[in-house]
Amino acid sequence: LDGQIAVVTGGSGLYGLLIARAMGE
């Protein structure tokens, strides 16, 4: 996903943080 912008709503919650981390990784 290099160069992409990913918005994660509820991104600090249980699944949200995991999804945000996955997108970043």
PDBML (XML) file of the C-alpha atoms, coordinates in Angstrom:
<?xml version="1.0" encoding="UTF-8" ?>
<PDBx:datablock datablockName="MODEL"
   xmlns:PDBx="http://pdbml.pdb.org/schema/pdbx-v50.xsd"
   xmlns:xsi="http://www.w3.org/2001/XMLSchema-instance"
   xsi:schemaLocation="http://pdbml.pdb.org/schema/pdbx-v50.xsd pdbx-v50.xsd">
   <PDBx:atom_siteCategory>
      <PDBx:atom_site id="1">
         <PDBx:B_iso_or_equiv>0.00</PDBx:B_iso_or_equiv>
         <PDBx:Cartn_x>0.000</PDBx:Cartn_x>
         <PDBx:Cartn_y>0.000</PDBx:Cartn_y>
         <PDBx:Cartn_z>0.000</PDBx:Cartn_z>
         <PDBx:auth_asym_id>A</PDBx:auth_asym_id>
         <PDBx:auth_atom_id>CA</PDBx:auth_atom_id>
         <PDBx:auth_comp_id>LEU</PDBx:auth_comp_id>
         <PDBx:auth_seq_id>1</PDBx:auth_seq_id>
         <PDBx:group_PDB>ATOM</PDBx:group_PDB>
         <PDBx:label_alt_id xsi:nil="true" />
         <PDBx:label_asym_id>A</PDBx:label_asym_id>
         <PDBx:label_atom_id>CA</PDBx:label_atom_id>
         <PDBx:label_comp_id>LEU</PDBx:label_comp_id>
         <PDBx:label_entity_id>1</PDBx:label_entity_id>
         <PDBx:label_seq_id>1</PDBx:label_seq_id>
         <PDBx:occupancy>1.00</PDBx:occupancy>
         <PDBx:pdbx_PDB_model_num>1</PDBx:pdbx_PDB_model_num>
         <PDBx:type_symbol>C</PDBx:type_symbol>
      </PDBx:atom_site>
      <PDBx:atom_site id="2">
         <PDBx:B_iso_or_equiv>0.00</PDBx:B_iso_or_equiv>
         <PDBx:Cartn_x>2.990</PDBx:Cartn_x>
         <PDBx:Cartn_y>2.287</PDBx:Cartn_y>
         <PDBx:Cartn_z>-0.483</PDBx:Cartn_z>
         <PDBx:auth_asym_id>A</PDBx:auth_asym_id>
         <PDBx:auth_atom_id>CA</PDBx:auth_atom_id>
         <PDBx:auth_comp_id>ASP</PDBx:auth_comp_id>
         <PDBx:auth_seq_id>2</PDBx:auth_seq_id>
         <PDBx:group_PDB>ATOM</PDBx:group_PDB>
         <PDBx:label_alt_id xsi:nil="true" />
         <PDBx:label_asym_id>A</PDBx:label_asym_id>
         <PDBx:label_atom_id>CA</PDBx:label_atom_id>
         <PDBx:label_comp_id>ASP</PDBx:label_comp_id>
         <PDBx:label_entity_id>1</PDBx:label_entity_id>
         <PDBx:label_seq_id>2</PDBx:label_seq_id>
         <PDBx:occupancy>1.00</PDBx:occupancy>
         <PDBx:pdbx_PDB_model_num>1</PDBx:pdbx_PDB_model_num>
         <PDBx:type_symbol>C</PDBx:type_symbol>
      </PDBx:atom_site>
      <PDBx:atom_site id="3">
         <PDBx:B_iso_or_equiv>0.00</PDBx:B_iso_or_equiv>
         <PDBx:Cartn_x>1.998</PDBx:Cartn_x>
         <PDBx:Cartn_y>5.908</PDBx:Cartn_y>
         <PDBx:Cartn_z>-0.988</PDBx:Cartn_z>
         <PDBx:auth_asym_id>A</PDBx:auth_asym_id>
         <PDBx:auth_atom_id>CA</PDBx:auth_atom_id>
         <PDBx:auth_comp_id>GLY</PDBx:auth_comp_id>
         <PDBx:auth_seq_id>3</PDBx:auth_seq_id>
         <PDBx:group_PDB>ATOM</PDBx:group_PDB>
         <PDBx:label_alt_id xsi:nil="true" />
         <PDBx:label_asym_id>A</PDBx:label_asym_id>
         <PDBx:label_atom_id>CA</PDBx:label_atom_id>
         <PDBx:label_comp_id>GLY</PDBx:label_comp_id>
         <PDBx:label_entity_id>1</PDBx:label_entity_id>
         <PDBx:label_seq_id>3</PDBx:label_seq_id>
         <PDBx:occupancy>1.00</PDBx:occupancy>
         <PDBx:pdbx_PDB_model_num>1</PDBx:pdbx_PDB_model_num>
         <PDBx:type_symbol>C</PDBx:type_symbol>
      </PDBx:atom_site>
      <PDBx:atom_site id="4">
         <PDBx:B_iso_or_equiv>0.00</PDBx:B_iso_or_equiv>
         <PDBx:Cartn_x>-1.651</PDBx:Cartn_x>
         <PDBx:Cartn_y>5.316</PDBx:Cartn_y>
         <PDBx:Cartn_z>-0.196</PDBx:Cartn_z>
         <PDBx:auth_asym_id>A</PDBx:auth_asym_id>
         <PDBx:auth_atom_id>CA</PDBx:auth_atom_id>
         <PDBx:auth_comp_id>GLN</PDBx:auth_comp_id>
         <PDBx:auth_seq_id>4</PDBx:auth_seq_id>
         <PDBx:group_PDB>ATOM</PDBx:group_PDB>
         <PDBx:label_alt_id xsi:nil="true" />
         <PDBx:label_asym_id>A</PDBx:label_asym_id>
         <PDBx:label_atom_id>CA</PDBx:label_atom_id>
         <PDBx:label_comp_id>GLN</PDBx:label_comp_id>
         <PDBx:label_entity_id>1</PDBx:label_entity_id>
         <PDBx:label_seq_id>4</PDBx:label_seq_id>
         <PDBx:occupancy>1.00</PDBx:occupancy>
         <PDBx:pdbx_PDB_model_num>1</PDBx:pdbx_PDB_model_num>
         <PDBx:type_symbol>C</PDBx:type_symbol>
      </PDBx:atom_site>
      <PDBx:atom_site id="5">
         <PDBx:B_iso_or_equiv>0.00</PDBx:B_iso_or_equiv>
         <PDBx:Cartn_x>-3.780</PDBx:Cartn_x>
         <PDBx:Cartn_y>7.223</PDBx:Cartn_y>
         <PDBx:Cartn_z>2.314</PDBx:Cartn_z>
         <PDBx:auth_asym_id>A</PDBx:auth_asym_id>
         <PDBx:auth_atom_id>CA</PDBx:auth_atom_id>
         <PDBx:auth_comp_id>ILE</PDBx:auth_comp_id>
         <PDBx:auth_seq_id>5</PDBx:auth_seq_id>
         <PDBx:group_PDB>ATOM</PDBx:group_PDB>
         <PDBx:label_alt_id xsi:nil="true" />
         <PDBx:label_asym_id>A</PDBx:label_asym_id>
         <PDBx:label_atom_id>CA</PDBx:label_atom_id>
         <PDBx:label_comp_id>ILE</PDBx:label_comp_id>
         <PDBx:label_entity_id>1</PDBx:label_entity_id>
         <PDBx:label_seq_id>5</PDBx:label_seq_id>
         <PDBx:occupancy>1.00</PDBx:occupancy>
         <PDBx:pdbx_PDB_model_num>1</PDBx:pdbx_PDB_model_num>
         <PDBx:type_symbol>C</PDBx:type_symbol>
      </PDBx:atom_site>
      <PDBx:atom_site id="6">
         <PDBx:B_iso_or_equiv>0.00</PDBx:B_iso_or_equiv>
         <PDBx:Cartn_x>-5.914</PDBx:Cartn_x>
         <PDBx:Cartn_y>4.979</PDBx:Cartn_y>
         <PDBx:Cartn_z>4.512</PDBx:Cartn_z>
         <PDBx:auth_asym_id>A</PDBx:auth_asym_id>
         <PDBx:auth_atom_id>CA</PDBx:auth_atom_id>
         <PDBx:auth_comp_id>ALA</PDBx:auth_comp_id>
         <PDBx:auth_seq_id>6</PDBx:auth_seq_id>
         <PDBx:group_PDB>ATOM</PDBx:group_PDB>
         <PDBx:label_alt_id xsi:nil="true" />
         <PDBx:label_asym_id>A</PDBx:label_asym_id>
         <PDBx:label_atom_id>CA</PDBx:label_atom_id>
         <PDBx:label_comp_id>ALA</PDBx:label_comp_id>
         <PDBx:label_entity_id>1</PDBx:label_entity_id>
         <PDBx:label_seq_id>6</PDBx:label_seq_id>
         <PDBx:occupancy>1.00</PDBx:occupancy>
         <PDBx:pdbx_PDB_model_num>1</PDBx:pdbx_PDB_model_num>
         <PDBx:type_symbol>C</PDBx:type_symbol>
      </PDBx:atom_site>
      <PDBx:atom_site id="7">
         <PDBx:B_iso_or_equiv>0.00</PDBx:B_iso_or_equiv>
         <PDBx:Cartn_x>-8.575</PDBx:Cartn_x>
         <PDBx:Cartn_y>6.370</PDBx:Cartn_y>
         <PDBx:Cartn_z>6.866</PDBx:Cartn_z>
         <PDBx:auth_asym_id>A</PDBx:auth_asym_id>
         <PDBx:auth_atom_id>CA</PDBx:auth_atom_id>
         <PDBx:auth_comp_id>VAL</PDBx:auth_comp_id>
         <PDBx:auth_seq_id>7</PDBx:auth_seq_id>
         <PDBx:group_PDB>ATOM</PDBx:group_PDB>
         <PDBx:label_alt_id xsi:nil="true" />
         <PDBx:label_asym_id>A</PDBx:label_asym_id>
         <PDBx:label_atom_id>CA</PDBx:label_atom_id>
         <PDBx:label_comp_id>VAL</PDBx:label_comp_id>
         <PDBx:label_entity_id>1</PDBx:label_entity_id>
         <PDBx:label_seq_id>7</PDBx:label_seq_id>
         <PDBx:occupancy>1.00</PDBx:occupancy>
         <PDBx:pdbx_PDB_model_num>1</PDBx:pdbx_PDB_model_num>
         <PDBx:type_symbol>C</PDBx:type_symbol>
      </PDBx:atom_site>
      <PDBx:atom_site id="8">
         <PDBx:B_iso_or_equiv>0.00</PDBx:B_iso_or_equiv>
         <PDBx:Cartn_x>-9.604</PDBx:Cartn_x>
         <PDBx:Cartn_y>4.127</PDBx:Cartn_y>
         <PDBx:Cartn_z>9.761</PDBx:Cartn_z>
         <PDBx:auth_asym_id>A</PDBx:auth_asym_id>
         <PDBx:auth_atom_id>CA</PDBx:auth_atom_id>
         <PDBx:auth_comp_id>VAL</PDBx:auth_comp_id>
         <PDBx:auth_seq_id>8</PDBx:auth_seq_id>
         <PDBx:group_PDB>ATOM</PDBx:group_PDB>
         <PDBx:label_alt_id xsi:nil="true" />
         <PDBx:label_asym_id>A</PDBx:label_asym_id>
         <PDBx:label_atom_id>CA</PDBx:label_atom_id>
         <PDBx:label_comp_id>VAL</PDBx:label_comp_id>
         <PDBx:label_entity_id>1</PDBx:label_entity_id>
         <PDBx:label_seq_id>8</PDBx:label_seq_id>
         <PDBx:occupancy>1.00</PDBx:occupancy>
         <PDBx:pdbx_PDB_model_num>1</PDBx:pdbx_PDB_model_num>
         <PDBx:type_symbol>C</PDBx:type_symbol>
      </PDBx:atom_site>
      <PDBx:atom_site id="9">
         <PDBx:B_iso_or_equiv>0.00</PDBx:B_iso_or_equiv>
         <PDBx:Cartn_x>-12.572</PDBx:Cartn_x>
         <PDBx:Cartn_y>5.311</PDBx:Cartn_y>
         <PDBx:Cartn_z>11.802</PDBx:Cartn_z>
         <PDBx:auth_asym_id>A</PDBx:auth_asym_id>
         <PDBx:auth_atom_id>CA</PDBx:auth_atom_id>
         <PDBx:auth_comp_id>THR</PDBx:auth_comp_id>
         <PDBx:auth_seq_id>9</PDBx:auth_seq_id>
         <PDBx:group_PDB>ATOM</PDBx:group_PDB>
         <PDBx:label_alt_id xsi:nil="true" />
         <PDBx:label_asym_id>A</PDBx:label_asym_id>
         <PDBx:label_atom_id>CA</PDBx:label_atom_id>
         <PDBx:label_comp_id>THR</PDBx:label_comp_id>
         <PDBx:label_entity_id>1</PDBx:label_entity_id>
         <PDBx:label_seq_id>9</PDBx:label_seq_id>
         <PDBx:occupancy>1.00</PDBx:occupancy>
         <PDBx:pdbx_PDB_model_num>1</PDBx:pdbx_PDB_model_num>
         <PDBx:type_symbol>C</PDBx:type_symbol>
      </PDBx:atom_site>
      <PDBx:atom_site id="10">
         <PDBx:B_iso_or_equiv>0.00</PDBx:B_iso_or_equiv>
         <PDBx:Cartn_x>-12.546</PDBx:Cartn_x>
         <PDBx:Cartn_y>4.085</PDBx:Cartn_y>
         <PDBx:Cartn_z>15.368</PDBx:Cartn_z>
         <PDBx:auth_asym_id>A</PDBx:auth_asym_id>
         <PDBx:auth_atom_id>CA</PDBx:auth_atom_id>
         <PDBx:auth_comp_id>GLY</PDBx:auth_comp_id>
         <PDBx:auth_seq_id>10</PDBx:auth_seq_id>
         <PDBx:group_PDB>ATOM</PDBx:group_PDB>
         <PDBx:label_alt_id xsi:nil="true" />
         <PDBx:label_asym_id>A</PDBx:label_asym_id>
         <PDBx:label_atom_id>CA</PDBx:label_atom_id>
         <PDBx:label_comp_id>GLY</PDBx:label_comp_id>
         <PDBx:label_entity_id>1</PDBx:label_entity_id>
         <PDBx:label_seq_id>10</PDBx:label_seq_id>
         <PDBx:occupancy>1.00</PDBx:occupancy>
         <PDBx:pdbx_PDB_model_num>1</PDBx:pdbx_PDB_model_num>
         <PDBx:type_symbol>C</PDBx:type_symbol>
      </PDBx:atom_site>
      <PDBx:atom_site id="11">
         <PDBx:B_iso_or_equiv>0.00</PDBx:B_iso_or_equiv>
         <PDBx:Cartn_x>-8.868</PDBx:Cartn_x>
         <PDBx:Cartn_y>3.549</PDBx:Cartn_y>
         <PDBx:Cartn_z>14.698</PDBx:Cartn_z>
         <PDBx:auth_asym_id>A</PDBx:auth_asym_id>
         <PDBx:auth_atom_id>CA</PDBx:auth_atom_id>
         <PDBx:auth_comp_id>GLY</PDBx:auth_comp_id>
         <PDBx:auth_seq_id>11</PDBx:auth_seq_id>
         <PDBx:group_PDB>ATOM</PDBx:group_PDB>
         <PDBx:label_alt_id xsi:nil="true" />
         <PDBx:label_asym_id>A</PDBx:label_asym_id>
         <PDBx:label_atom_id>CA</PDBx:label_atom_id>
         <PDBx:label_comp_id>GLY</PDBx:label_comp_id>
         <PDBx:label_entity_id>1</PDBx:label_entity_id>
         <PDBx:label_seq_id>11</PDBx:label_seq_id>
         <PDBx:occupancy>1.00</PDBx:occupancy>
         <PDBx:pdbx_PDB_model_num>1</PDBx:pdbx_PDB_model_num>
         <PDBx:type_symbol>C</PDBx:type_symbol>
      </PDBx:atom_site>
      <PDBx:atom_site id="12">
         <PDBx:B_iso_or_equiv>0.00</PDBx:B_iso_or_equiv>
         <PDBx:Cartn_x>-7.851</PDBx:Cartn_x>
         <PDBx:Cartn_y>3.598</PDBx:Cartn_y>
         <PDBx:Cartn_z>18.347</PDBx:Cartn_z>
         <PDBx:auth_asym_id>A</PDBx:auth_asym_id>
         <PDBx:auth_atom_id>CA</PDBx:auth_atom_id>
         <PDBx:auth_comp_id>SER</PDBx:auth_comp_id>
         <PDBx:auth_seq_id>12</PDBx:auth_seq_id>
         <PDBx:group_PDB>ATOM</PDBx:group_PDB>
         <PDBx:label_alt_id xsi:nil="true" />
         <PDBx:label_asym_id>A</PDBx:label_asym_id>
         <PDBx:label_atom_id>CA</PDBx:label_atom_id>
         <PDBx:label_comp_id>SER</PDBx:label_comp_id>
         <PDBx:label_entity_id>1</PDBx:label_entity_id>
         <PDBx:label_seq_id>12</PDBx:label_seq_id>
         <PDBx:occupancy>1.00</PDBx:occupancy>
         <PDBx:pdbx_PDB_model_num>1</PDBx:pdbx_PDB_model_num>
         <PDBx:type_symbol>C</PDBx:type_symbol>
      </PDBx:atom_site>
      <PDBx:atom_site id="13">
         <PDBx:B_iso_or_equiv>0.00</PDBx:B_iso_or_equiv>
         <PDBx:Cartn_x>-10.188</PDBx:Cartn_x>
         <PDBx:Cartn_y>0.750</PDBx:Cartn_y>
         <PDBx:Cartn_z>19.343</PDBx:Cartn_z>
         <PDBx:auth_asym_id>A</PDBx:auth_asym_id>
         <PDBx:auth_atom_id>CA</PDBx:auth_atom_id>
         <PDBx:auth_comp_id>GLY</PDBx:auth_comp_id>
         <PDBx:auth_seq_id>13</PDBx:auth_seq_id>
         <PDBx:group_PDB>ATOM</PDBx:group_PDB>
         <PDBx:label_alt_id xsi:nil="true" />
         <PDBx:label_asym_id>A</PDBx:label_asym_id>
         <PDBx:label_atom_id>CA</PDBx:label_atom_id>
         <PDBx:label_comp_id>GLY</PDBx:label_comp_id>
         <PDBx:label_entity_id>1</PDBx:label_entity_id>
         <PDBx:label_seq_id>13</PDBx:label_seq_id>
         <PDBx:occupancy>1.00</PDBx:occupancy>
         <PDBx:pdbx_PDB_model_num>1</PDBx:pdbx_PDB_model_num>
         <PDBx:type_symbol>C</PDBx:type_symbol>
      </PDBx:atom_site>
      <PDBx:atom_site id="14">
         <PDBx:B_iso_or_equiv>0.00</PDBx:B_iso_or_equiv>
         <PDBx:Cartn_x>-9.693</PDBx:Cartn_x>
         <PDBx:Cartn_y>-3.006</PDBx:Cartn_y>
         <PDBx:Cartn_z>19.548</PDBx:Cartn_z>
         <PDBx:auth_asym_id>A</PDBx:auth_asym_id>
         <PDBx:auth_atom_id>CA</PDBx:auth_atom_id>
         <PDBx:auth_comp_id>LEU</PDBx:auth_comp_id>
         <PDBx:auth_seq_id>14</PDBx:auth_seq_id>
         <PDBx:group_PDB>ATOM</PDBx:group_PDB>
         <PDBx:label_alt_id xsi:nil="true" />
         <PDBx:label_asym_id>A</PDBx:label_asym_id>
         <PDBx:label_atom_id>CA</PDBx:label_atom_id>
         <PDBx:label_comp_id>LEU</PDBx:label_comp_id>
         <PDBx:label_entity_id>1</PDBx:label_entity_id>
         <PDBx:label_seq_id>14</PDBx:label_seq_id>
         <PDBx:occupancy>1.00</PDBx:occupancy>
         <PDBx:pdbx_PDB_model_num>1</PDBx:pdbx_PDB_model_num>
         <PDBx:type_symbol>C</PDBx:type_symbol>
      </PDBx:atom_site>
      <PDBx:atom_site id="15">
         <PDBx:B_iso_or_equiv>0.00</PDBx:B_iso_or_equiv>
         <PDBx:Cartn_x>-9.973</PDBx:Cartn_x>
         <PDBx:Cartn_y>-3.950</PDBx:Cartn_y>
         <PDBx:Cartn_z>15.893</PDBx:Cartn_z>
         <PDBx:auth_asym_id>A</PDBx:auth_asym_id>
         <PDBx:auth_atom_id>CA</PDBx:auth_atom_id>
         <PDBx:auth_comp_id>TYR</PDBx:auth_comp_id>
         <PDBx:auth_seq_id>15</PDBx:auth_seq_id>
         <PDBx:group_PDB>ATOM</PDBx:group_PDB>
         <PDBx:label_alt_id xsi:nil="true" />
         <PDBx:label_asym_id>A</PDBx:label_asym_id>
         <PDBx:label_atom_id>CA</PDBx:label_atom_id>
         <PDBx:label_comp_id>TYR</PDBx:label_comp_id>
         <PDBx:label_entity_id>1</PDBx:label_entity_id>
         <PDBx:label_seq_id>15</PDBx:label_seq_id>
         <PDBx:occupancy>1.00</PDBx:occupancy>
         <PDBx:pdbx_PDB_model_num>1</PDBx:pdbx_PDB_model_num>
         <PDBx:type_symbol>C</PDBx:type_symbol>
      </PDBx:atom_site>
      <PDBx:atom_site id="16">
         <PDBx:B_iso_or_equiv>0.00</PDBx:B_iso_or_equiv>
         <PDBx:Cartn_x>-9.346</PDBx:Cartn_x>
         <PDBx:Cartn_y>-0.381</PDBx:Cartn_y>
         <PDBx:Cartn_z>14.732</PDBx:Cartn_z>
         <PDBx:auth_asym_id>A</PDBx:auth_asym_id>
         <PDBx:auth_atom_id>CA</PDBx:auth_atom_id>
         <PDBx:auth_comp_id>GLY</PDBx:auth_comp_id>
         <PDBx:auth_seq_id>16</PDBx:auth_seq_id>
         <PDBx:group_PDB>ATOM</PDBx:group_PDB>
         <PDBx:label_alt_id xsi:nil="true" />
         <PDBx:label_asym_id>A</PDBx:label_asym_id>
         <PDBx:label_atom_id>CA</PDBx:label_atom_id>
         <PDBx:label_comp_id>GLY</PDBx:label_comp_id>
         <PDBx:label_entity_id>1</PDBx:label_entity_id>
         <PDBx:label_seq_id>16</PDBx:label_seq_id>
         <PDBx:occupancy>1.00</PDBx:occupancy>
         <PDBx:pdbx_PDB_model_num>1</PDBx:pdbx_PDB_model_num>
         <PDBx:type_symbol>C</PDBx:type_symbol>
      </PDBx:atom_site>
      <PDBx:atom_site id="17">
         <PDBx:B_iso_or_equiv>0.00</PDBx:B_iso_or_equiv>
         <PDBx:Cartn_x>-5.788</PDBx:Cartn_x>
         <PDBx:Cartn_y>-0.203</PDBx:Cartn_y>
         <PDBx:Cartn_z>16.016</PDBx:Cartn_z>
         <PDBx:auth_asym_id>A</PDBx:auth_asym_id>
         <PDBx:auth_atom_id>CA</PDBx:auth_atom_id>
         <PDBx:auth_comp_id>LEU</PDBx:auth_comp_id>
         <PDBx:auth_seq_id>17</PDBx:auth_seq_id>
         <PDBx:group_PDB>ATOM</PDBx:group_PDB>
         <PDBx:label_alt_id xsi:nil="true" />
         <PDBx:label_asym_id>A</PDBx:label_asym_id>
         <PDBx:label_atom_id>CA</PDBx:label_atom_id>
         <PDBx:label_comp_id>LEU</PDBx:label_comp_id>
         <PDBx:label_entity_id>1</PDBx:label_entity_id>
         <PDBx:label_seq_id>17</PDBx:label_seq_id>
         <PDBx:occupancy>1.00</PDBx:occupancy>
         <PDBx:pdbx_PDB_model_num>1</PDBx:pdbx_PDB_model_num>
         <PDBx:type_symbol>C</PDBx:type_symbol>
      </PDBx:atom_site>
      <PDBx:atom_site id="18">
         <PDBx:B_iso_or_equiv>0.00</PDBx:B_iso_or_equiv>
         <PDBx:Cartn_x>-4.953</PDBx:Cartn_x>
         <PDBx:Cartn_y>-3.604</PDBx:Cartn_y>
         <PDBx:Cartn_z>14.526</PDBx:Cartn_z>
         <PDBx:auth_asym_id>A</PDBx:auth_asym_id>
         <PDBx:auth_atom_id>CA</PDBx:auth_atom_id>
         <PDBx:auth_comp_id>LEU</PDBx:auth_comp_id>
         <PDBx:auth_seq_id>18</PDBx:auth_seq_id>
         <PDBx:group_PDB>ATOM</PDBx:group_PDB>
         <PDBx:label_alt_id xsi:nil="true" />
         <PDBx:label_asym_id>A</PDBx:label_asym_id>
         <PDBx:label_atom_id>CA</PDBx:label_atom_id>
         <PDBx:label_comp_id>LEU</PDBx:label_comp_id>
         <PDBx:label_entity_id>1</PDBx:label_entity_id>
         <PDBx:label_seq_id>18</PDBx:label_seq_id>
         <PDBx:occupancy>1.00</PDBx:occupancy>
         <PDBx:pdbx_PDB_model_num>1</PDBx:pdbx_PDB_model_num>
         <PDBx:type_symbol>C</PDBx:type_symbol>
      </PDBx:atom_site>
      <PDBx:atom_site id="19">
         <PDBx:B_iso_or_equiv>0.00</PDBx:B_iso_or_equiv>
         <PDBx:Cartn_x>-6.325</PDBx:Cartn_x>
         <PDBx:Cartn_y>-2.541</PDBx:Cartn_y>
         <PDBx:Cartn_z>11.135</PDBx:Cartn_z>
         <PDBx:auth_asym_id>A</PDBx:auth_asym_id>
         <PDBx:auth_atom_id>CA</PDBx:auth_atom_id>
         <PDBx:auth_comp_id>ILE</PDBx:auth_comp_id>
         <PDBx:auth_seq_id>19</PDBx:auth_seq_id>
         <PDBx:group_PDB>ATOM</PDBx:group_PDB>
         <PDBx:label_alt_id xsi:nil="true" />
         <PDBx:label_asym_id>A</PDBx:label_asym_id>
         <PDBx:label_atom_id>CA</PDBx:label_atom_id>
         <PDBx:label_comp_id>ILE</PDBx:label_comp_id>
         <PDBx:label_entity_id>1</PDBx:label_entity_id>
         <PDBx:label_seq_id>19</PDBx:label_seq_id>
         <PDBx:occupancy>1.00</PDBx:occupancy>
         <PDBx:pdbx_PDB_model_num>1</PDBx:pdbx_PDB_model_num>
         <PDBx:type_symbol>C</PDBx:type_symbol>
      </PDBx:atom_site>
      <PDBx:atom_site id="20">
         <PDBx:B_iso_or_equiv>0.00</PDBx:B_iso_or_equiv>
         <PDBx:Cartn_x>-4.466</PDBx:Cartn_x>
         <PDBx:Cartn_y>0.769</PDBx:Cartn_y>
         <PDBx:Cartn_z>11.304</PDBx:Cartn_z>
         <PDBx:auth_asym_id>A</PDBx:auth_asym_id>
         <PDBx:auth_atom_id>CA</PDBx:auth_atom_id>
         <PDBx:auth_comp_id>ALA</PDBx:auth_comp_id>
         <PDBx:auth_seq_id>20</PDBx:auth_seq_id>
         <PDBx:group_PDB>ATOM</PDBx:group_PDB>
         <PDBx:label_alt_id xsi:nil="true" />
         <PDBx:label_asym_id>A</PDBx:label_asym_id>
         <PDBx:label_atom_id>CA</PDBx:label_atom_id>
         <PDBx:label_comp_id>ALA</PDBx:label_comp_id>
         <PDBx:label_entity_id>1</PDBx:label_entity_id>
         <PDBx:label_seq_id>20</PDBx:label_seq_id>
         <PDBx:occupancy>1.00</PDBx:occupancy>
         <PDBx:pdbx_PDB_model_num>1</PDBx:pdbx_PDB_model_num>
         <PDBx:type_symbol>C</PDBx:type_symbol>
      </PDBx:atom_site>
      <PDBx:atom_site id="21">
         <PDBx:B_iso_or_equiv>0.00</PDBx:B_iso_or_equiv>
         <PDBx:Cartn_x>-1.243</PDBx:Cartn_x>
         <PDBx:Cartn_y>-1.056</PDBx:Cartn_y>
         <PDBx:Cartn_z>12.130</PDBx:Cartn_z>
         <PDBx:auth_asym_id>A</PDBx:auth_asym_id>
         <PDBx:auth_atom_id>CA</PDBx:auth_atom_id>
         <PDBx:auth_comp_id>ARG</PDBx:auth_comp_id>
         <PDBx:auth_seq_id>21</PDBx:auth_seq_id>
         <PDBx:group_PDB>ATOM</PDBx:group_PDB>
         <PDBx:label_alt_id xsi:nil="true" />
         <PDBx:label_asym_id>A</PDBx:label_asym_id>
         <PDBx:label_atom_id>CA</PDBx:label_atom_id>
         <PDBx:label_comp_id>ARG</PDBx:label_comp_id>
         <PDBx:label_entity_id>1</PDBx:label_entity_id>
         <PDBx:label_seq_id>21</PDBx:label_seq_id>
         <PDBx:occupancy>1.00</PDBx:occupancy>
         <PDBx:pdbx_PDB_model_num>1</PDBx:pdbx_PDB_model_num>
         <PDBx:type_symbol>C</PDBx:type_symbol>
      </PDBx:atom_site>
      <PDBx:atom_site id="22">
         <PDBx:B_iso_or_equiv>0.00</PDBx:B_iso_or_equiv>
         <PDBx:Cartn_x>-1.798</PDBx:Cartn_x>
         <PDBx:Cartn_y>-3.471</PDBx:Cartn_y>
         <PDBx:Cartn_z>9.238</PDBx:Cartn_z>
         <PDBx:auth_asym_id>A</PDBx:auth_asym_id>
         <PDBx:auth_atom_id>CA</PDBx:auth_atom_id>
         <PDBx:auth_comp_id>ALA</PDBx:auth_comp_id>
         <PDBx:auth_seq_id>22</PDBx:auth_seq_id>
         <PDBx:group_PDB>ATOM</PDBx:group_PDB>
         <PDBx:label_alt_id xsi:nil="true" />
         <PDBx:label_asym_id>A</PDBx:label_asym_id>
         <PDBx:label_atom_id>CA</PDBx:label_atom_id>
         <PDBx:label_comp_id>ALA</PDBx:label_comp_id>
         <PDBx:label_entity_id>1</PDBx:label_entity_id>
         <PDBx:label_seq_id>22</PDBx:label_seq_id>
         <PDBx:occupancy>1.00</PDBx:occupancy>
         <PDBx:pdbx_PDB_model_num>1</PDBx:pdbx_PDB_model_num>
         <PDBx:type_symbol>C</PDBx:type_symbol>
      </PDBx:atom_site>
      <PDBx:atom_site id="23">
         <PDBx:B_iso_or_equiv>0.00</PDBx:B_iso_or_equiv>
         <PDBx:Cartn_x>-2.287</PDBx:Cartn_x>
         <PDBx:Cartn_y>-0.628</PDBx:Cartn_y>
         <PDBx:Cartn_z>6.770</PDBx:Cartn_z>
         <PDBx:auth_asym_id>A</PDBx:auth_asym_id>
         <PDBx:auth_atom_id>CA</PDBx:auth_atom_id>
         <PDBx:auth_comp_id>MET</PDBx:auth_comp_id>
         <PDBx:auth_seq_id>23</PDBx:auth_seq_id>
         <PDBx:group_PDB>ATOM</PDBx:group_PDB>
         <PDBx:label_alt_id xsi:nil="true" />
         <PDBx:label_asym_id>A</PDBx:label_asym_id>
         <PDBx:label_atom_id>CA</PDBx:label_atom_id>
         <PDBx:label_comp_id>MET</PDBx:label_comp_id>
         <PDBx:label_entity_id>1</PDBx:label_entity_id>
         <PDBx:label_seq_id>23</PDBx:label_seq_id>
         <PDBx:occupancy>1.00</PDBx:occupancy>
         <PDBx:pdbx_PDB_model_num>1</PDBx:pdbx_PDB_model_num>
         <PDBx:type_symbol>C</PDBx:type_symbol>
      </PDBx:atom_site>
      <PDBx:atom_site id="24">
         <PDBx:B_iso_or_equiv>0.00</PDBx:B_iso_or_equiv>
         <PDBx:Cartn_x>0.840</PDBx:Cartn_x>
         <PDBx:Cartn_y>1.095</PDBx:Cartn_y>
         <PDBx:Cartn_z>8.067</PDBx:Cartn_z>
         <PDBx:auth_asym_id>A</PDBx:auth_asym_id>
         <PDBx:auth_atom_id>CA</PDBx:auth_atom_id>
         <PDBx:auth_comp_id>GLY</PDBx:auth_comp_id>
         <PDBx:auth_seq_id>24</PDBx:auth_seq_id>
         <PDBx:group_PDB>ATOM</PDBx:group_PDB>
         <PDBx:label_alt_id xsi:nil="true" />
         <PDBx:label_asym_id>A</PDBx:label_asym_id>
         <PDBx:label_atom_id>CA</PDBx:label_atom_id>
         <PDBx:label_comp_id>GLY</PDBx:label_comp_id>
         <PDBx:label_entity_id>1</PDBx:label_entity_id>
         <PDBx:label_seq_id>24</PDBx:label_seq_id>
         <PDBx:occupancy>1.00</PDBx:occupancy>
         <PDBx:pdbx_PDB_model_num>1</PDBx:pdbx_PDB_model_num>
         <PDBx:type_symbol>C</PDBx:type_symbol>
      </PDBx:atom_site>
      <PDBx:atom_site id="25">
         <PDBx:B_iso_or_equiv>0.00</PDBx:B_iso_or_equiv>
         <PDBx:Cartn_x>2.929</PDBx:Cartn_x>
         <PDBx:Cartn_y>-2.067</PDBx:Cartn_y>
         <PDBx:Cartn_z>7.922</PDBx:Cartn_z>
         <PDBx:auth_asym_id>A</PDBx:auth_asym_id>
         <PDBx:auth_atom_id>CA</PDBx:auth_atom_id>
         <PDBx:auth_comp_id>GLU</PDBx:auth_comp_id>
         <PDBx:auth_seq_id>25</PDBx:auth_seq_id>
         <PDBx:group_PDB>ATOM</PDBx:group_PDB>
         <PDBx:label_alt_id xsi:nil="true" />
         <PDBx:label_asym_id>A</PDBx:label_asym_id>
         <PDBx:label_atom_id>CA</PDBx:label_atom_id>
         <PDBx:label_comp_id>GLU</PDBx:label_comp_id>
         <PDBx:label_entity_id>1</PDBx:label_entity_id>
         <PDBx:label_seq_id>25</PDBx:label_seq_id>
         <PDBx:occupancy>1.00</PDBx:occupancy>
         <PDBx:pdbx_PDB_model_num>1</PDBx:pdbx_PDB_model_num>
         <PDBx:type_symbol>C</PDBx:type_symbol>
      </PDBx:atom_site>
   </PDBx:atom_siteCategory>
</PDBx:datablock>
